[in-house]
Amino acid sequence: MSTLIKHSWKKRVAEETVTGYLFMAPTILIAGVFLILPIAYAVALAFQKVQLLGDVSYQFTGLKNFARIAQDDRVGIALKNTASYVAIVVPIQTLLALALALILNSQIKGRSWFRVVFFLPTVTSSAVLTLIFMWIYNANGLLNSLLGFLHLPTYNWLGDPNVALKGIMIMNIWSTAPLFMVIYLAALQGIPDTLYEAATLDGASHWEKLLHITLPFLQPVTFFVVVMGIIGTFQLFDQSYIFSAGSGGPNDSTLTIVLLIYQYAFKNLDMGYALALTLILAVILMTSTIIQRTLFKEERLD
């Protein structure tokens, strides 16, 4: 009798498993065709020399594309620019988003209107924002006009290699911090008010509540914000492309790793080398995510 029950149970589990996979089949098929296969194809091409003009041909080159990366000076410049961009933008936009969320979560008048105003840059097209900031930074733009009105010296904001990338940083912080602000705001509203009430009864100050209640509860959200911020900043392309007309200038000061990949892939038609650079970027992103998971050991809420 027990053998019959065991056999029946196994049969039921098998049927449920098959039914589950049948329901998942459309998603698995779509993900396989449009996600897994392209990734596998890109990895395979990273080890080949691809000829795109005329008859398309492939020639296996082993690790030559990766060895070439170590000898490419522009890769070092692009990685340095991208790393500087990430190191400055991510902390500032995270702190700014948290500060704005804390302000809008307090009982201030017109906070609903402030939320809408602060969020507007996020819903605006990145290309449009870039063009607006290019007009602001232009030699005859808003910033120099304001400086001239105040009888202060004007500056070539777009033409100076020491300033060009910082101009993109300011624009990106201004446009992305509101998105993370909304995420922080949702998390703040999920913290139980009873914790703050108990802390008030114990005589805790606002800073003590922030340090011992708010920030610990926001740790999983901060992990998410930092990870998404790093991934987004490492993928900087459109702003740098529009600012420099695709060149990464002046003097490669706005050249990022994604823009360099674009140049090799679609200007030089060196697809194999571009995909090798893409794999390096993927490894960097995965490594940074693993490091952050180690630092944020309590990112899960049990």
Protein backbone atom coordinates (compact mmCIF):
# COMPACT_ATOMS: atom_id res chain seq x y z
CA MET A 1 0.00 0.00 0.00
CA SER A 2 2.82 2.38 0.90
CA THR A 3 4.54 1.61 -2.41
CA LEU A 4 1.37 2.50 -4.29
CA ILE A 5 1.02 5.79 -2.40
CA LYS A 6 4.67 6.64 -3.04
CA HIS A 7 4.30 5.90 -6.76
CA SER A 8 1.14 8.02 -6.93
CA TRP A 9 2.88 10.89 -5.17
CA LYS A 10 5.84 10.77 -7.57
CA LYS A 11 3.48 10.72 -10.54
CA ARG A 12 1.64 13.78 -9.21
CA VAL A 13 4.90 15.65 -8.65
CA ALA A 14 6.02 14.81 -12.20
CA GLU A 15 2.71 16.02 -13.65
CA GLU A 16 2.91 19.28 -11.70
CA THR A 17 6.51 19.77 -12.83
CA VAL A 18 5.59 19.24 -16.49
CA THR A 19 2.60 21.58 -16.12
CA GLY A 20 4.82 24.24 -14.58
CA TYR A 21 7.35 24.02 -17.40
CA LEU A 22 4.56 24.20 -19.99
CA PHE A 23 3.37 27.46 -18.45
CA MET A 24 6.95 28.73 -18.42
CA ALA A 25 7.66 27.58 -21.99
CA PRO A 26 6.73 30.88 -23.74
CA THR A 27 8.95 32.89 -21.39
CA ILE A 28 11.80 30.39 -21.68
CA LEU A 29 11.51 30.41 -25.48
CA ILE A 30 11.49 34.22 -25.73
CA ALA A 31 14.36 34.59 -23.23
CA GLY A 32 16.34 31.92 -25.04
CA VAL A 33 15.91 33.45 -28.50
CA PHE A 34 16.30 37.13 -27.59
CA LEU A 35 18.60 36.96 -24.55
CA ILE A 36 20.58 33.76 -24.05
CA LEU A 37 21.41 33.06 -27.72
CA PRO A 38 22.60 36.64 -28.46
CA ILE A 39 24.81 36.57 -25.34
CA ALA A 40 26.29 33.21 -26.33
CA TYR A 41 26.81 34.45 -29.91
CA ALA A 42 28.53 37.63 -28.65
CA VAL A 43 30.85 35.60 -26.42
CA ALA A 44 31.77 33.37 -29.36
CA LEU A 45 32.49 36.35 -31.63
CA ALA A 46 34.78 37.92 -29.00
CA PHE A 47 37.33 35.20 -29.85
CA GLN A 48 37.15 35.79 -33.60
CA LYS A 49 38.03 38.33 -36.25
CA VAL A 50 34.79 39.29 -37.97
CA GLN A 51 34.70 40.60 -41.54
CA LEU A 52 31.46 42.54 -42.12
CA LEU A 53 32.13 44.17 -45.50
CA GLY A 54 31.48 42.12 -48.61
CA ASP A 55 31.25 38.43 -47.78
CA VAL A 56 30.79 38.08 -44.04
CA SER A 57 33.50 35.83 -42.63
CA TYR A 58 34.74 34.67 -39.25
CA GLN A 59 38.30 33.74 -38.29
CA PHE A 60 39.06 32.25 -34.89
CA THR A 61 41.88 34.22 -33.24
CA GLY A 62 41.85 32.82 -29.71
CA LEU A 63 42.81 35.37 -27.07
CA LYS A 64 44.32 37.89 -29.51
CA ASN A 65 41.45 40.36 -29.05
CA PHE A 66 41.94 40.28 -25.28
CA ALA A 67 45.72 40.59 -25.57
CA ARG A 68 45.18 43.61 -27.80
CA ILE A 69 43.18 45.31 -25.03
CA ALA A 70 46.28 45.47 -22.81
CA GLN A 71 48.16 47.32 -25.57
CA ASP A 72 45.37 49.76 -26.46
CA ASP A 73 46.02 53.17 -24.87
CA ARG A 74 42.47 54.35 -25.60
CA VAL A 75 41.06 51.52 -23.49
CA GLY A 76 43.03 52.81 -20.50
CA ILE A 77 41.77 56.35 -21.12
CA ALA A 78 38.17 55.16 -21.45
CA LEU A 79 38.37 53.03 -18.29
CA LYS A 80 39.93 55.91 -16.35
CA ASN A 81 37.22 58.35 -17.50
CA THR A 82 34.48 55.85 -16.73
CA ALA A 83 35.91 54.99 -13.30
CA SER A 84 36.17 58.70 -12.42
CA TYR A 85 32.63 59.22 -13.60
CA VAL A 86 31.32 56.31 -11.50
CA ALA A 87 33.32 57.29 -8.40
CA ILE A 88 31.89 60.82 -8.41
CA VAL A 89 28.37 60.40 -9.75
CA VAL A 90 27.19 57.34 -7.80
CA PRO A 91 27.92 58.60 -4.24
CA ILE A 92 26.60 62.10 -4.93
CA GLN A 93 23.40 60.97 -6.65
CA THR A 94 22.76 58.42 -3.87
CA LEU A 95 23.22 60.97 -1.08
CA LEU A 96 21.19 63.57 -2.97
CA ALA A 97 18.37 61.09 -3.57
CA LEU A 98 18.33 60.14 0.12
CA ALA A 99 18.34 63.78 1.22
CA LEU A 100 15.48 64.70 -1.13
CA ALA A 101 13.48 61.64 0.02
CA LEU A 102 13.95 62.58 3.68
CA ILE A 103 12.81 66.14 2.98
CA LEU A 104 9.75 65.07 0.98
CA ASN A 105 8.86 62.43 3.58
CA SER A 106 8.61 65.12 6.26
CA GLN A 107 5.49 67.15 6.87
CA ILE A 108 6.20 70.12 4.60
CA LYS A 109 3.62 72.12 2.71
CA GLY A 110 3.22 71.38 -0.98
CA ARG A 111 5.29 68.20 -0.86
CA SER A 112 3.15 66.61 -3.60
CA TRP A 113 4.05 69.44 -5.96
CA PHE A 114 7.72 69.18 -4.99
CA ARG A 115 7.66 65.46 -5.81
CA VAL A 116 6.35 66.19 -9.29
CA VAL A 117 8.86 68.99 -9.90
CA PHE A 118 11.82 66.95 -8.68
CA PHE A 119 10.80 63.94 -10.77
CA LEU A 120 10.43 65.86 -14.06
CA PRO A 121 14.11 65.47 -15.14
CA THR A 122 13.76 61.69 -14.93
CA VAL A 123 10.87 61.50 -17.41
CA THR A 124 12.59 63.85 -19.86
CA SER A 125 14.46 62.30 -22.77
CA SER A 126 18.18 61.87 -22.15
CA ALA A 127 18.99 63.30 -25.58
CA VAL A 128 16.83 66.37 -24.92
CA LEU A 129 18.48 66.94 -21.53
CA THR A 130 21.90 66.66 -23.15
CA LEU A 131 21.01 69.25 -25.79
CA ILE A 132 19.66 71.59 -23.10
CA PHE A 133 22.86 71.31 -21.06
CA MET A 134 24.97 71.79 -24.19
CA TRP A 135 23.12 75.07 -24.73
CA ILE A 136 23.76 75.99 -21.08
CA TYR A 137 27.49 75.19 -21.40
CA ASN A 138 27.86 76.77 -24.84
CA ALA A 139 30.20 79.73 -25.24
CA ASN A 140 27.14 81.94 -25.83
CA GLY A 141 24.88 79.87 -23.60
CA LEU A 142 23.00 80.50 -20.40
CA LEU A 143 25.88 79.92 -17.99
CA ASN A 144 28.30 82.29 -19.71
CA SER A 145 25.51 84.85 -20.20
CA LEU A 146 24.84 84.75 -16.46
CA LEU A 147 28.54 85.10 -15.68
CA GLY A 148 28.79 88.02 -18.11
CA PHE A 149 25.77 89.68 -16.50
CA LEU A 150 27.52 89.41 -13.12
CA HIS A 151 30.74 90.80 -14.69
CA LEU A 152 32.56 87.54 -14.07
CA PRO A 153 34.94 85.84 -16.55
CA THR A 154 33.32 83.38 -18.96
CA TYR A 155 34.69 79.95 -19.78
CA ASN A 156 34.90 77.41 -22.59
CA TRP A 157 33.00 74.71 -20.74
CA LEU A 158 32.67 72.28 -23.66
CA GLY A 159 36.17 72.78 -25.06
CA ASP A 160 38.25 72.30 -21.91
CA PRO A 161 39.28 68.64 -21.37
CA ASN A 162 39.44 69.25 -17.61
CA VAL A 163 35.81 70.38 -17.44
CA ALA A 164 33.89 68.56 -20.19
CA LEU A 165 33.36 65.28 -18.31
CA LYS A 166 32.41 67.13 -15.11
CA GLY A 167 29.68 68.91 -17.08
CA ILE A 168 28.21 65.52 -18.01
CA MET A 169 28.48 64.43 -14.37
CA ILE A 170 26.41 67.41 -13.18
CA MET A 171 23.75 66.72 -15.80
CA ASN A 172 23.56 63.02 -14.95
CA ILE A 173 23.31 63.64 -11.20
CA TRP A 174 20.54 66.16 -11.76
CA SER A 175 18.56 63.82 -14.02
CA THR A 176 18.98 60.48 -12.21
CA ALA A 177 18.83 61.39 -8.52
CA PRO A 178 15.02 61.97 -8.64
CA LEU A 179 14.43 58.37 -9.76
CA PHE A 180 16.34 57.00 -6.78
CA MET A 181 14.58 59.60 -4.62
CA VAL A 182 11.23 57.94 -5.42
CA ILE A 183 12.65 54.53 -4.49
CA TYR A 184 13.95 55.87 -1.18
CA LEU A 185 10.65 57.65 -0.56
CA ALA A 186 8.69 54.41 -0.98
CA ALA A 187 11.05 52.65 1.42
CA LEU A 188 10.77 55.43 4.00
CA GLN A 189 7.00 55.15 4.02
CA GLY A 190 7.34 51.44 4.77
CA ILE A 191 9.20 52.00 8.06
CA PRO A 192 6.76 51.52 10.99
CA ASP A 193 5.89 54.77 12.78
CA THR A 194 5.84 52.89 16.08
CA LEU A 195 9.64 52.64 15.97
CA TYR A 196 9.97 56.42 15.78
CA GLU A 197 7.35 56.87 18.51
CA ALA A 198 9.20 54.47 20.81
CA ALA A 199 12.49 56.24 20.09
CA THR A 200 10.87 59.61 20.87
CA LEU A 201 9.68 58.27 24.23
CA ASP A 202 13.22 57.12 24.94
CA GLY A 203 14.48 60.66 24.24
CA ALA A 204 16.20 59.96 20.93
CA SER A 205 17.12 62.96 18.79
CA HIS A 206 16.42 63.29 15.06
CA TRP A 207 20.01 62.30 14.23
CA GLU A 208 19.81 59.23 16.48
CA LYS A 209 16.57 58.17 14.79
CA LEU A 210 18.21 58.62 11.39
CA LEU A 211 21.32 56.64 12.34
CA HIS A 212 19.70 53.81 14.30
CA ILE A 213 16.29 53.41 12.62
CA THR A 214 16.09 55.00 9.19
CA LEU A 215 19.48 54.10 7.69
CA PRO A 216 19.48 50.44 8.85
CA PHE A 217 16.02 49.93 7.36
CA LEU A 218 17.15 51.58 4.12
CA GLN A 219 20.23 49.36 3.75
CA PRO A 220 18.62 46.92 1.25
CA VAL A 221 17.33 49.88 -0.79
CA THR A 222 20.74 51.54 -0.67
CA PHE A 223 22.30 48.33 -2.00
CA PHE A 224 19.83 48.37 -4.91
CA VAL A 225 20.37 52.08 -5.60
CA VAL A 226 24.16 51.79 -5.57
CA VAL A 227 24.16 48.70 -7.82
CA MET A 228 21.78 50.29 -10.33
CA GLY A 229 23.77 53.53 -10.17
CA ILE A 230 27.05 51.78 -10.93
CA ILE A 231 25.55 49.77 -13.78
CA GLY A 232 23.93 52.90 -15.24
CA THR A 233 27.07 55.04 -14.99
CA PHE A 234 29.32 52.34 -16.46
CA GLN A 235 26.94 52.28 -19.43
CA LEU A 236 27.26 56.02 -20.09
CA PHE A 237 27.00 56.52 -23.83
CA ASP A 238 24.37 58.87 -25.21
CA GLN A 239 25.39 61.97 -23.24
CA SER A 240 29.05 61.50 -24.08
CA TYR A 241 28.22 60.77 -27.72
CA ILE A 242 26.09 63.89 -28.15
CA PHE A 243 28.47 66.15 -26.22
CA SER A 244 31.46 65.13 -28.35
CA ALA A 245 29.67 64.30 -31.64
CA GLY A 246 30.79 60.70 -31.20
CA SER A 247 34.51 61.44 -30.87
CA GLY A 248 34.87 61.36 -27.07
CA GLY A 249 36.62 64.72 -27.18
CA PRO A 250 38.03 67.14 -26.41
CA ASN A 251 41.25 65.11 -26.22
CA ASP A 252 39.35 61.94 -25.27
CA SER A 253 38.22 63.57 -22.02
CA THR A 254 34.62 62.33 -22.47
CA LEU A 255 35.56 58.96 -23.95
CA THR A 256 33.82 56.20 -22.01
CA ILE A 257 34.17 52.45 -22.36
CA VAL A 258 30.75 52.07 -24.03
CA LEU A 259 31.47 54.89 -26.47
CA LEU A 260 34.79 53.22 -27.30
CA ILE A 261 32.97 49.93 -27.93
CA TYR A 262 30.59 51.77 -30.27
CA GLN A 263 33.49 53.34 -32.17
CA TYR A 264 35.25 50.02 -32.72
CA ALA A 265 32.05 48.17 -33.60
CA PHE A 266 30.30 50.62 -35.92
CA LYS A 267 33.01 53.03 -37.09
CA ASN A 268 35.99 50.72 -37.44
CA LEU A 269 33.79 47.63 -38.05
CA ASP A 270 36.06 45.69 -35.67
CA MET A 271 33.21 43.68 -34.17
CA GLY A 272 35.31 40.93 -32.56
CA TYR A 273 37.48 43.40 -30.65
CA ALA A 274 34.43 45.44 -29.63
CA LEU A 275 32.76 42.33 -28.22
CA ALA A 276 35.93 41.47 -26.31
CA LEU A 277 35.72 44.92 -24.71
CA THR A 278 32.06 44.23 -23.95
CA LEU A 279 33.00 41.06 -22.07
CA ILE A 280 35.56 43.00 -20.05
CA LEU A 281 32.87 45.53 -19.15
CA ALA A 282 30.50 42.71 -18.13
CA VAL A 283 33.20 41.20 -15.88
CA ILE A 284 33.80 44.61 -14.26
CA LEU A 285 30.07 45.05 -13.56
CA MET A 286 29.69 41.55 -12.13
CA THR A 287 32.78 41.99 -9.95
CA SER A 288 31.56 45.33 -8.59
CA THR A 289 28.16 43.80 -7.82
CA ILE A 290 29.75 40.91 -5.92
CA ILE A 291 31.91 43.34 -3.94
CA GLN A 292 28.84 45.37 -3.03
CA ARG A 293 26.96 42.26 -1.92
CA THR A 294 29.89 41.55 0.38
CA LEU A 295 29.84 45.08 1.78
CA PHE A 296 26.04 45.11 2.19
CA LYS A 297 25.82 41.83 4.07
CA GLU A 298 22.37 42.66 5.40
CA GLU A 299 20.72 43.64 2.16
CA ARG A 300 17.97 41.04 2.72
CA LEU A 301 15.02 41.69 4.96
CA ASP A 302 14.08 38.45 6.73
